[in-house]
Amino acid sequence: MSNFMDTKKSLPTLGIGLGYRQSLAQKTIESRAEIDFIEVISEHYILLNALKMDELEKAHEFPIIPHGVELSIGSVDTLDLEYLANLKRFLNRIDAPWWSDHLSFTGADHGHLNNLLPLPFTREAVDHVVHRVKAVQEYIERPLLLENITAYMRLPGAEMSEAQFISEIVETADCGVLLDVNNVYVNALNHNFDPFEFVDQLPLERVVQIHIAGHSREQNMIIDNHGAKVCEPVYKLLNHVLKKTDVRAILLERDQHFPRFEFILNEIRHIRAVAGLAAPELMLGNHAIKHLAA
């Protein structure tokens, strides 16, 4: 059995959470009874300035999970050691049980393109990413989860499917998976494949956390915008995954087009209902403990 799978056994079960966004911060804090944990964008906090840490202090009752967007694990640039040092200090400061970033690259020549860009599904890319993941994990010393991204084009020269690509990387590098079920569904519509077959080809036992979100249709393409209601097929995909493996956390992402906060809470309740039927062990996390205490 791999080291990561041993580690997963000891990770806490957090329940159902919400992405911590400035526009929602106060309402999020006021809704602690319904939100089990928060996820923050790592890059917003890694410099540990006083203002940002004061912001996190206000949310100190929540378990905090960091989620990065600038690791650029697929880049051919050398690893940014200053970035990793700041990140490690932040993770240690909040004692994060795990952290995550995307299976993508985000820049070249040490410049950031402000986008999550897809990698070629090749043996060379697998070897390259595995080497970098191992180096990062050795340095950070906390469990790393890689997230599947949405990709609006497929790079030429593929030597394997996306599911095979993800699987080989996480198994060889011995890391975890943050499975974004909305990203799977969006890619399935845009690239014409079955999302249920896709997730069944992944090493689901490595999934620690799930992201769920909404998307929009723009002309002939589906866009992952984190700014719409979660659709029923995505809930069905969530249910399918939860019946196949145990996870520690599910997070609702909402980054724009914010509705009334009660609407967001209703989505969290819907997620909780799905999880309660498919994976009741998730309900043994913070939410259940709080209500038992009450």
C-alpha atoms as a PDB file:
ATOM      1  CA  MET A   1       0.000   0.000   0.000  1.00  0.00           C
ATOM      2  CA  SER A   2       1.284   3.470  -0.867  1.00  0.00           C
ATOM      3  CA  ASN A   3       2.312   6.064   1.686  1.00  0.00           C
ATOM      4  CA  PHE A   4      -0.445   8.383   0.528  1.00  0.00           C
ATOM      5  CA  MET A   5      -3.130   5.784   1.070  1.00  0.00           C
ATOM      6  CA  ASP A   6      -1.807   5.280   4.598  1.00  0.00           C
ATOM      7  CA  THR A   7      -1.897   9.035   5.108  1.00  0.00           C
ATOM      8  CA  LYS A   8      -5.455   9.339   3.820  1.00  0.00           C
ATOM      9  CA  LYS A   9      -6.670   7.096   6.633  1.00  0.00           C
ATOM     10  CA  SER A  10      -5.560   9.698   9.171  1.00  0.00           C
ATOM     11  CA  LEU A  11      -7.006  12.767   7.425  1.00  0.00           C
ATOM     12  CA  PRO A  12      -9.966  14.431   9.146  1.00  0.00           C
ATOM     13  CA  THR A  13     -13.497  14.233   7.771  1.00  0.00           C
ATOM     14  CA  LEU A  14     -14.520  17.870   7.324  1.00  0.00           C
ATOM     15  CA  GLY A  15     -17.977  17.615   5.746  1.00  0.00           C
ATOM     16  CA  ILE A  16     -19.459  20.239   3.401  1.00  0.00           C
ATOM     17  CA  GLY A  17     -17.705  23.563   2.872  1.00  0.00           C
ATOM     18  CA  LEU A  18     -17.721  26.800   0.914  1.00  0.00           C
ATOM     19  CA  GLY A  19     -15.017  28.724  -0.892  1.00  0.00           C
ATOM     20  CA  TYR A  20     -14.087  31.760   1.204  1.00  0.00           C
ATOM     21  CA  ARG A  21     -14.616  34.849  -0.943  1.00  0.00           C
ATOM     22  CA  GLN A  22     -14.480  38.459   0.208  1.00  0.00           C
ATOM     23  CA  SER A  23     -17.973  39.206  -1.111  1.00  0.00           C
ATOM     24  CA  LEU A  24     -19.355  36.335   0.957  1.00  0.00           C
ATOM     25  CA  ALA A  25     -17.045  36.521   3.965  1.00  0.00           C
ATOM     26  CA  GLN A  26     -19.358  38.039   6.560  1.00  0.00           C
ATOM     27  CA  LYS A  27     -22.330  35.862   5.611  1.00  0.00           C
ATOM     28  CA  THR A  28     -20.063  32.826   5.600  1.00  0.00           C
ATOM     29  CA  ILE A  29     -18.852  33.553   9.133  1.00  0.00           C
ATOM     30  CA  GLU A  30     -22.419  34.103  10.306  1.00  0.00           C
ATOM     31  CA  SER A  31     -23.433  30.716   8.840  1.00  0.00           C
ATOM     32  CA  ARG A  32     -20.996  28.558  10.805  1.00  0.00           C
ATOM     33  CA  ALA A  33     -23.870  26.286  11.840  1.00  0.00           C
ATOM     34  CA  GLU A  34     -24.362  25.183   8.216  1.00  0.00           C
ATOM     35  CA  ILE A  35     -20.828  25.414   6.774  1.00  0.00           C
ATOM     36  CA  ASP A  36     -18.309  22.872   8.050  1.00  0.00           C
ATOM     37  CA  PHE A  37     -15.090  24.295   6.599  1.00  0.00           C
ATOM     38  CA  ILE A  38     -13.771  26.934   4.229  1.00  0.00           C
ATOM     39  CA  GLU A  39     -11.306  26.763   1.385  1.00  0.00           C
ATOM     40  CA  VAL A  40      -9.068  29.754   0.685  1.00  0.00           C
ATOM     41  CA  ILE A  41      -7.005  30.623  -2.363  1.00  0.00           C
ATOM     42  CA  SER A  42      -3.447  30.049  -1.161  1.00  0.00           C
ATOM     43  CA  GLU A  43      -1.931  32.939  -3.099  1.00  0.00           C
ATOM     44  CA  HIS A  44      -4.202  35.432  -1.320  1.00  0.00           C
ATOM     45  CA  TYR A  45      -2.587  34.612   2.031  1.00  0.00           C
ATOM     46  CA  ILE A  46       0.879  33.103   1.661  1.00  0.00           C
ATOM     47  CA  LEU A  47       2.706  36.371   2.278  1.00  0.00           C
ATOM     48  CA  LEU A  48       1.102  36.431   5.733  1.00  0.00           C
ATOM     49  CA  ASN A  49       0.613  40.183   5.831  1.00  0.00           C
ATOM     50  CA  ALA A  50      -1.241  41.521   8.855  1.00  0.00           C
ATOM     51  CA  LEU A  51      -4.422  42.444   6.982  1.00  0.00           C
ATOM     52  CA  LYS A  52      -4.827  39.020   5.425  1.00  0.00           C
ATOM     53  CA  MET A  53      -4.075  37.154   8.625  1.00  0.00           C
ATOM     54  CA  ASP A  54      -6.550  39.364  10.494  1.00  0.00           C
ATOM     55  CA  GLU A  55      -9.124  38.367   7.864  1.00  0.00           C
ATOM     56  CA  LEU A  56      -8.429  34.696   8.515  1.00  0.00           C
ATOM     57  CA  GLU A  57      -8.558  35.237  12.263  1.00  0.00           C
ATOM     58  CA  LYS A  58     -12.201  36.243  11.871  1.00  0.00           C
ATOM     59  CA  ALA A  59     -12.834  32.833  10.356  1.00  0.00           C
ATOM     60  CA  HIS A  60     -10.693  30.934  12.868  1.00  0.00           C
ATOM     61  CA  GLU A  61     -13.549  28.670  13.977  1.00  0.00           C
ATOM     62  CA  PHE A  62     -13.576  27.014  10.545  1.00  0.00           C
ATOM     63  CA  PRO A  63     -11.099  24.354   9.469  1.00  0.00           C
ATOM     64  CA  ILE A  64      -9.216  26.032   6.602  1.00  0.00           C
ATOM     65  CA  ILE A  65      -8.113  24.211   3.454  1.00  0.00           C
ATOM     66  CA  PRO A  66      -5.693  26.043   1.103  1.00  0.00           C
ATOM     67  CA  HIS A  67      -6.254  25.718  -2.651  1.00  0.00           C
ATOM     68  CA  GLY A  68      -3.606  27.104  -5.000  1.00  0.00           C
ATOM     69  CA  VAL A  69      -3.680  28.415  -8.554  1.00  0.00           C
ATOM     70  CA  GLU A  70      -0.010  29.250  -9.194  1.00  0.00           C
ATOM     71  CA  LEU A  71       1.970  26.094  -8.439  1.00  0.00           C
ATOM     72  CA  SER A  72       2.131  25.466 -12.211  1.00  0.00           C
ATOM     73  CA  ILE A  73       3.111  21.863 -11.675  1.00  0.00           C
ATOM     74  CA  GLY A  74       3.222  21.193 -15.427  1.00  0.00           C
ATOM     75  CA  SER A  75       5.492  24.113 -16.319  1.00  0.00           C
ATOM     76  CA  VAL A  76       8.969  23.618 -17.759  1.00  0.00           C
ATOM     77  CA  ASP A  77      10.202  26.512 -15.600  1.00  0.00           C
ATOM     78  CA  THR A  78      12.196  25.569 -12.538  1.00  0.00           C
ATOM     79  CA  LEU A  79      10.118  25.297  -9.380  1.00  0.00           C
ATOM     80  CA  ASP A  80       9.665  28.660  -7.680  1.00  0.00           C
ATOM     81  CA  LEU A  81      11.436  28.082  -4.370  1.00  0.00           C
ATOM     82  CA  GLU A  82      10.423  31.443  -2.921  1.00  0.00           C
ATOM     83  CA  TYR A  83       6.782  30.666  -3.655  1.00  0.00           C
ATOM     84  CA  LEU A  84       7.109  27.214  -2.076  1.00  0.00           C
ATOM     85  CA  ALA A  85       8.803  28.642   1.027  1.00  0.00           C
ATOM     86  CA  ASN A  86       6.005  31.179   1.521  1.00  0.00           C
ATOM     87  CA  LEU A  87       3.401  28.493   0.886  1.00  0.00           C
ATOM     88  CA  LYS A  88       4.963  26.095   3.384  1.00  0.00           C
ATOM     89  CA  ARG A  89       5.078  28.790   6.054  1.00  0.00           C
ATOM     90  CA  PHE A  90       1.397  29.558   5.478  1.00  0.00           C
ATOM     91  CA  LEU A  91       0.364  25.891   5.588  1.00  0.00           C
ATOM     92  CA  ASN A  92       2.273  25.456   8.822  1.00  0.00           C
ATOM     93  CA  ARG A  93       0.725  28.609  10.285  1.00  0.00           C
ATOM     94  CA  ILE A  94      -2.822  27.331   9.794  1.00  0.00           C
ATOM     95  CA  ASP A  95      -1.866  23.654  10.272  1.00  0.00           C
ATOM     96  CA  ALA A  96      -3.622  22.602   7.072  1.00  0.00           C
ATOM     97  CA  PRO A  97      -4.472  18.871   6.963  1.00  0.00           C
ATOM     98  CA  TRP A  98      -3.893  18.928   3.191  1.00  0.00           C
ATOM     99  CA  TRP A  99      -3.514  21.395   0.338  1.00  0.00           C
ATOM    100  CA  SER A 100      -4.311  21.343  -3.354  1.00  0.00           C
ATOM    101  CA  ASP A 101      -3.511  22.837  -6.726  1.00  0.00           C
ATOM    102  CA  HIS A 102      -4.284  22.069 -10.363  1.00  0.00           C
ATOM    103  CA  LEU A 103      -2.899  19.534 -12.804  1.00  0.00           C
ATOM    104  CA  SER A 104      -1.990  22.232 -15.314  1.00  0.00           C
ATOM    105  CA  PHE A 105       0.536  24.914 -16.047  1.00  0.00           C
ATOM    106  CA  THR A 106      -0.112  28.593 -15.494  1.00  0.00           C
ATOM    107  CA  GLY A 107       2.837  30.361 -17.057  1.00  0.00           C
ATOM    108  CA  ALA A 108       6.134  30.329 -18.910  1.00  0.00           C
ATOM    109  CA  ASP A 109       9.473  32.072 -18.433  1.00  0.00           C
ATOM    110  CA  HIS A 110       8.398  32.698 -14.836  1.00  0.00           C
ATOM    111  CA  GLY A 111       5.495  34.837 -15.967  1.00  0.00           C
ATOM    112  CA  HIS A 112       1.878  34.112 -15.036  1.00  0.00           C
ATOM    113  CA  LEU A 113      -0.807  33.808 -17.722  1.00  0.00           C
ATOM    114  CA  ASN A 114      -3.698  33.953 -15.225  1.00  0.00           C
ATOM    115  CA  ASN A 115      -5.219  30.787 -16.612  1.00  0.00           C
ATOM    116  CA  LEU A 116      -5.112  27.057 -15.966  1.00  0.00           C
ATOM    117  CA  LEU A 117      -3.673  25.607 -19.164  1.00  0.00           C
ATOM    118  CA  PRO A 118      -3.894  21.937 -20.180  1.00  0.00           C
ATOM    119  CA  LEU A 119      -0.963  19.589 -20.608  1.00  0.00           C
ATOM    120  CA  PRO A 120      -0.332  17.153 -23.457  1.00  0.00           C
ATOM    121  CA  PHE A 121      -1.361  13.623 -22.562  1.00  0.00           C
ATOM    122  CA  THR A 122       2.067  12.138 -23.273  1.00  0.00           C
ATOM    123  CA  ARG A 123       4.517   9.873 -21.495  1.00  0.00           C
ATOM    124  CA  GLU A 124       7.068  12.699 -21.402  1.00  0.00           C
ATOM    125  CA  ALA A 125       4.564  14.994 -19.667  1.00  0.00           C
ATOM    126  CA  VAL A 126       3.716  12.283 -17.124  1.00  0.00           C
ATOM    127  CA  ASP A 127       7.376  11.799 -16.227  1.00  0.00           C
ATOM    128  CA  HIS A 128       7.952  15.550 -16.028  1.00  0.00           C
ATOM    129  CA  VAL A 129       5.001  16.210 -13.735  1.00  0.00           C
ATOM    130  CA  VAL A 130       5.701  13.193 -11.520  1.00  0.00           C
ATOM    131  CA  HIS A 131       9.248  14.419 -10.912  1.00  0.00           C
ATOM    132  CA  ARG A 132       7.983  17.864  -9.908  1.00  0.00           C
ATOM    133  CA  VAL A 133       5.183  16.537  -7.696  1.00  0.00           C
ATOM    134  CA  LYS A 134       7.637  14.361  -5.780  1.00  0.00           C
ATOM    135  CA  ALA A 135       9.979  17.321  -5.252  1.00  0.00           C
ATOM    136  CA  VAL A 136       7.140  19.571  -4.070  1.00  0.00           C
ATOM    137  CA  GLN A 137       5.733  16.962  -1.700  1.00  0.00           C
ATOM    138  CA  GLU A 138       9.156  16.310  -0.193  1.00  0.00           C
ATOM    139  CA  TYR A 139       9.601  20.034   0.440  1.00  0.00           C
ATOM    140  CA  ILE A 140       6.098  20.931   1.714  1.00  0.00           C
ATOM    141  CA  GLU A 141       5.681  17.819   3.896  1.00  0.00           C
ATOM    142  CA  ARG A 142       1.877  17.887   3.812  1.00  0.00           C
ATOM    143  CA  PRO A 143      -0.503  15.831   1.621  1.00  0.00           C
ATOM    144  CA  LEU A 144      -0.935  17.311  -1.851  1.00  0.00           C
ATOM    145  CA  LEU A 145      -4.084  16.871  -3.958  1.00  0.00           C
ATOM    146  CA  LEU A 146      -4.098  17.568  -7.694  1.00  0.00           C
ATOM    147  CA  GLU A 147      -7.311  18.814  -9.306  1.00  0.00           C
ATOM    148  CA  ASN A 148      -8.557  17.934 -12.780  1.00  0.00           C
ATOM    149  CA  ILE A 149      -9.155  21.082 -14.847  1.00  0.00           C
ATOM    150  CA  THR A 150     -11.552  22.159 -17.567  1.00  0.00           C
ATOM    151  CA  ALA A 151      -9.862  22.327 -20.964  1.00  0.00           C
ATOM    152  CA  TYR A 152     -11.466  23.923 -23.995  1.00  0.00           C
ATOM    153  CA  MET A 153      -9.044  22.312 -26.440  1.00  0.00           C
ATOM    154  CA  ARG A 154      -7.095  19.083 -26.609  1.00  0.00           C
ATOM    155  CA  LEU A 155      -3.382  19.352 -27.372  1.00  0.00           C
ATOM    156  CA  PRO A 156      -2.184  17.222 -30.309  1.00  0.00           C
ATOM    157  CA  GLY A 157       0.012  14.165 -29.937  1.00  0.00           C
ATOM    158  CA  ALA A 158      -1.907  12.471 -27.111  1.00  0.00           C
ATOM    159  CA  GLU A 159      -0.563   9.040 -26.193  1.00  0.00           C
ATOM    160  CA  MET A 160      -3.268   8.251 -23.645  1.00  0.00           C
ATOM    161  CA  SER A 161      -6.667   9.443 -22.454  1.00  0.00           C
ATOM    162  CA  GLU A 162      -7.071  12.208 -19.875  1.00  0.00           C
ATOM    163  CA  ALA A 163      -8.201   9.688 -17.272  1.00  0.00           C
ATOM    164  CA  GLN A 164      -5.096   7.582 -17.909  1.00  0.00           C
ATOM    165  CA  PHE A 165      -2.927  10.709 -17.761  1.00  0.00           C
ATOM    166  CA  ILE A 166      -4.310  11.761 -14.380  1.00  0.00           C
ATOM    167  CA  SER A 167      -4.151   8.222 -13.030  1.00  0.00           C
ATOM    168  CA  GLU A 168      -0.523   7.631 -13.996  1.00  0.00           C
ATOM    169  CA  ILE A 169       0.609  10.908 -12.479  1.00  0.00           C
ATOM    170  CA  VAL A 170      -1.135  10.587  -9.107  1.00  0.00           C
ATOM    171  CA  GLU A 171      -0.276   6.903  -8.713  1.00  0.00           C
ATOM    172  CA  THR A 172       3.375   7.235  -9.709  1.00  0.00           C
ATOM    173  CA  ALA A 173       3.911  10.457  -7.749  1.00  0.00           C
ATOM    174  CA  ASP A 174       1.873   8.994  -4.870  1.00  0.00           C
ATOM    175  CA  CYS A 175      -0.317  12.017  -4.210  1.00  0.00           C
ATOM    176  CA  GLY A 176      -4.035  12.589  -3.765  1.00  0.00           C
ATOM    177  CA  VAL A 177      -6.851  13.786  -5.995  1.00  0.00           C
ATOM    178  CA  LEU A 178      -9.181  16.738  -5.688  1.00  0.00           C
ATOM    179  CA  LEU A 179     -11.943  15.641  -8.046  1.00  0.00           C
ATOM    180  CA  ASP A 180     -13.949  18.485  -9.553  1.00  0.00           C
ATOM    181  CA  VAL A 181     -17.165  16.834 -10.734  1.00  0.00           C
ATOM    182  CA  ASN A 182     -18.305  19.964 -12.541  1.00  0.00           C
ATOM    183  CA  ASN A 183     -15.037  20.071 -14.506  1.00  0.00           C
ATOM    184  CA  VAL A 184     -15.575  16.454 -15.525  1.00  0.00           C
ATOM    185  CA  TYR A 185     -19.113  17.217 -16.663  1.00  0.00           C
ATOM    186  CA  VAL A 186     -18.093  20.358 -18.592  1.00  0.00           C
ATOM    187  CA  ASN A 187     -15.292  18.516 -20.389  1.00  0.00           C
ATOM    188  CA  ALA A 188     -17.645  15.624 -21.142  1.00  0.00           C
ATOM    189  CA  LEU A 189     -20.096  17.942 -22.886  1.00  0.00           C
ATOM    190  CA  ASN A 190     -17.420  19.877 -24.744  1.00  0.00           C
ATOM    191  CA  HIS A 191     -15.410  16.834 -25.833  1.00  0.00           C
ATOM    192  CA  ASN A 192     -18.225  14.305 -26.170  1.00  0.00           C
ATOM    193  CA  PHE A 193     -17.491  11.580 -23.645  1.00  0.00           C
ATOM    194  CA  ASP A 194     -19.386   9.881 -20.812  1.00  0.00           C
ATOM    195  CA  PRO A 195     -18.552  11.580 -17.475  1.00  0.00           C
ATOM    196  CA  PHE A 196     -19.506   8.490 -15.463  1.00  0.00           C
ATOM    197  CA  GLU A 197     -17.156   6.273 -17.465  1.00  0.00           C
ATOM    198  CA  PHE A 198     -14.451   8.904 -17.053  1.00  0.00           C
ATOM    199  CA  VAL A 199     -14.575   8.954 -13.253  1.00  0.00           C
ATOM    200  CA  ASP A 200     -14.745   5.167 -13.138  1.00  0.00           C
ATOM    201  CA  GLN A 201     -11.343   5.090 -14.886  1.00  0.00           C
ATOM    202  CA  LEU A 202      -9.724   7.230 -12.174  1.00  0.00           C
ATOM    203  CA  PRO A 203      -8.090   5.891  -8.989  1.00  0.00           C
ATOM    204  CA  LEU A 204     -11.056   7.067  -6.918  1.00  0.00           C
ATOM    205  CA  GLU A 205      -9.520   5.680  -3.745  1.00  0.00           C
ATOM    206  CA  ARG A 206      -7.109   8.655  -3.910  1.00  0.00           C
ATOM    207  CA  VAL A 207      -9.899  11.254  -3.878  1.00  0.00           C
ATOM    208  CA  VAL A 208      -9.821  13.227  -0.625  1.00  0.00           C
ATOM    209  CA  GLN A 209     -11.872  16.271  -1.607  1.00  0.00           C
ATOM    210  CA  ILE A 210     -14.522  17.072  -4.217  1.00  0.00           C
ATOM    211  CA  HIS A 211     -15.335  20.409  -5.839  1.00  0.00           C
ATOM    212  CA  ILE A 212     -18.811  21.110  -7.160  1.00  0.00           C
ATOM    213  CA  ALA A 213     -19.909  24.254  -9.003  1.00  0.00           C
ATOM    214  CA  GLY A 214     -22.103  25.695 -11.725  1.00  0.00           C
ATOM    215  CA  HIS A 215     -21.370  26.451 -15.364  1.00  0.00           C
ATOM    216  CA  SER A 216     -22.833  28.360 -18.284  1.00  0.00           C
ATOM    217  CA  ARG A 217     -23.355  27.871 -22.010  1.00  0.00           C
ATOM    218  CA  GLU A 218     -21.715  30.358 -24.366  1.00  0.00           C
ATOM    219  CA  GLN A 219     -22.531  29.748 -28.029  1.00  0.00           C
ATOM    220  CA  ASN A 220     -21.564  26.112 -28.680  1.00  0.00           C
ATOM    221  CA  MET A 221     -19.372  25.637 -25.608  1.00  0.00           C
ATOM    222  CA  ILE A 222     -19.951  24.979 -21.909  1.00  0.00           C
ATOM    223  CA  ILE A 223     -17.908  27.274 -19.648  1.00  0.00           C
ATOM    224  CA  ASP A 224     -16.875  26.478 -16.088  1.00  0.00           C
ATOM    225  CA  ASN A 225     -17.636  29.864 -14.526  1.00  0.00           C
ATOM    226  CA  HIS A 226     -18.390  29.108 -10.846  1.00  0.00           C
ATOM    227  CA  GLY A 227     -21.209  31.586 -11.207  1.00  0.00           C
ATOM    228  CA  ALA A 228     -24.370  29.572 -11.774  1.00  0.00           C
ATOM    229  CA  LYS A 229     -26.600  27.073 -10.043  1.00  0.00           C
ATOM    230  CA  VAL A 230     -25.274  23.526  -9.795  1.00  0.00           C
ATOM    231  CA  CYS A 231     -27.241  21.450 -12.317  1.00  0.00           C
ATOM    232  CA  GLU A 232     -28.887  18.120 -11.597  1.00  0.00           C
ATOM    233  CA  PRO A 233     -26.527  16.001 -13.793  1.00  0.00           C
ATOM    234  CA  VAL A 234     -23.579  17.275 -11.744  1.00  0.00           C
ATOM    235  CA  TYR A 235     -25.348  16.245  -8.526  1.00  0.00           C
ATOM    236  CA  LYS A 236     -25.874  12.805 -10.080  1.00  0.00           C
ATOM    237  CA  LEU A 237     -22.170  12.598 -10.864  1.00  0.00           C
ATOM    238  CA  LEU A 238     -21.381  13.601  -7.270  1.00  0.00           C
ATOM    239  CA  ASN A 239     -23.687  10.848  -6.005  1.00  0.00           C
ATOM    240  CA  HIS A 240     -22.008   8.336  -8.317  1.00  0.00           C
ATOM    241  CA  VAL A 241     -18.536   9.179  -6.991  1.00  0.00           C
ATOM    242  CA  LEU A 242     -19.583   9.168  -3.335  1.00  0.00           C
ATOM    243  CA  LYS A 243     -21.020   5.661  -3.705  1.00  0.00           C
ATOM    244  CA  LYS A 244     -17.670   4.404  -5.021  1.00  0.00           C
ATOM    245  CA  THR A 245     -15.158   5.858  -2.590  1.00  0.00           C
ATOM    246  CA  ASP A 246     -14.823   7.625   0.732  1.00  0.00           C
ATOM    247  CA  VAL A 247     -13.941  11.308   0.689  1.00  0.00           C
ATOM    248  CA  ARG A 248     -13.175  13.769   3.467  1.00  0.00           C
ATOM    249  CA  ALA A 249     -14.706  16.971   2.162  1.00  0.00           C
ATOM    250  CA  ILE A 250     -17.005  18.450  -0.495  1.00  0.00           C
ATOM    251  CA  LEU A 251     -16.700  22.102  -1.411  1.00  0.00           C
ATOM    252  CA  LEU A 252     -19.166  24.382  -3.182  1.00  0.00           C
ATOM    253  CA  GLU A 253     -17.342  26.917  -5.378  1.00  0.00           C
ATOM    254  CA  ARG A 254     -18.974  30.251  -6.146  1.00  0.00           C
ATOM    255  CA  ASP A 255     -16.798  33.035  -7.552  1.00  0.00           C
ATOM    256  CA  GLN A 256     -19.142  35.425  -9.368  1.00  0.00           C
ATOM    257  CA  HIS A 257     -22.777  36.354 -10.020  1.00  0.00           C
ATOM    258  CA  PHE A 258     -23.438  36.021  -6.298  1.00  0.00           C
ATOM    259  CA  PRO A 259     -27.100  35.382  -5.468  1.00  0.00           C
ATOM    260  CA  ARG A 260     -28.732  35.949  -2.098  1.00  0.00           C
ATOM    261  CA  PHE A 261     -26.742  34.001   0.460  1.00  0.00           C
ATOM    262  CA  GLU A 262     -29.777  31.891   1.313  1.00  0.00           C
ATOM    263  CA  PHE A 263     -29.578  30.480  -2.226  1.00  0.00           C
ATOM    264  CA  ILE A 264     -25.968  29.416  -1.572  1.00  0.00           C
ATOM    265  CA  LEU A 265     -26.992  27.842   1.725  1.00  0.00           C
ATOM    266  CA  ASN A 266     -29.738  25.944  -0.079  1.00  0.00           C
ATOM    267  CA  GLU A 267     -27.132  24.519  -2.448  1.00  0.00           C
ATOM    268  CA  ILE A 268     -25.016  23.462   0.534  1.00  0.00           C
ATOM    269  CA  ARG A 269     -28.124  21.789   1.995  1.00  0.00           C
ATOM    270  CA  HIS A 270     -28.688  19.985  -1.299  1.00  0.00           C
ATOM    271  CA  ILE A 271     -25.087  18.777  -1.342  1.00  0.00           C
ATOM    272  CA  ARG A 272     -25.484  17.655   2.267  1.00  0.00           C
ATOM    273  CA  ALA A 273     -28.626  15.718   1.359  1.00  0.00           C
ATOM    274  CA  VAL A 274     -26.868  13.948  -1.530  1.00  0.00           C
ATOM    275  CA  ALA A 275     -23.883  13.139   0.683  1.00  0.00           C
ATOM    276  CA  GLY A 276     -26.108  11.996   3.520  1.00  0.00           C
ATOM    277  CA  LEU A 277     -27.634   9.299   1.317  1.00  0.00           C
ATOM    278  CA  ALA A 278     -24.548   8.275  -0.643  1.00  0.00           C
ATOM    279  CA  ALA A 279     -21.819   8.730   1.973  1.00  0.00           C
ATOM    280  CA  PRO A 280     -23.244   9.075   5.490  1.00  0.00           C
ATOM    281  CA  GLU A 281     -19.736   9.000   6.960  1.00  0.00           C
ATOM    282  CA  LEU A 282     -19.313  12.568   5.683  1.00  0.00           C
ATOM    283  CA  MET A 283     -22.064  13.546   8.083  1.00  0.00           C
ATOM    284  CA  LEU A 284     -19.868  12.386  10.951  1.00  0.00           C
ATOM    285  CA  GLY A 285     -17.686  15.470  10.469  1.00  0.00           C
ATOM    286  CA  ASN A 286     -18.006  18.905  12.045  1.00  0.00           C
ATOM    287  CA  HIS A 287     -21.656  19.407  11.096  1.00  0.00           C
ATOM    288  CA  ALA A 288     -22.887  16.322  12.917  1.00  0.00           C
ATOM    289  CA  ILE A 289     -20.678  17.012  15.918  1.00  0.00           C
ATOM    290  CA  LYS A 290     -22.020  20.564  16.216  1.00  0.00           C
ATOM    291  CA  HIS A 291     -25.611  19.388  16.106  1.00  0.00           C
ATOM    292  CA  LEU A 292     -25.017  16.582  18.571  1.00  0.00           C
ATOM    293  CA  ALA A 293     -23.459  19.108  20.941  1.00  0.00           C
ATOM    294  CA  ALA A 294     -26.493  21.368  20.549  1.00  0.00           C
END
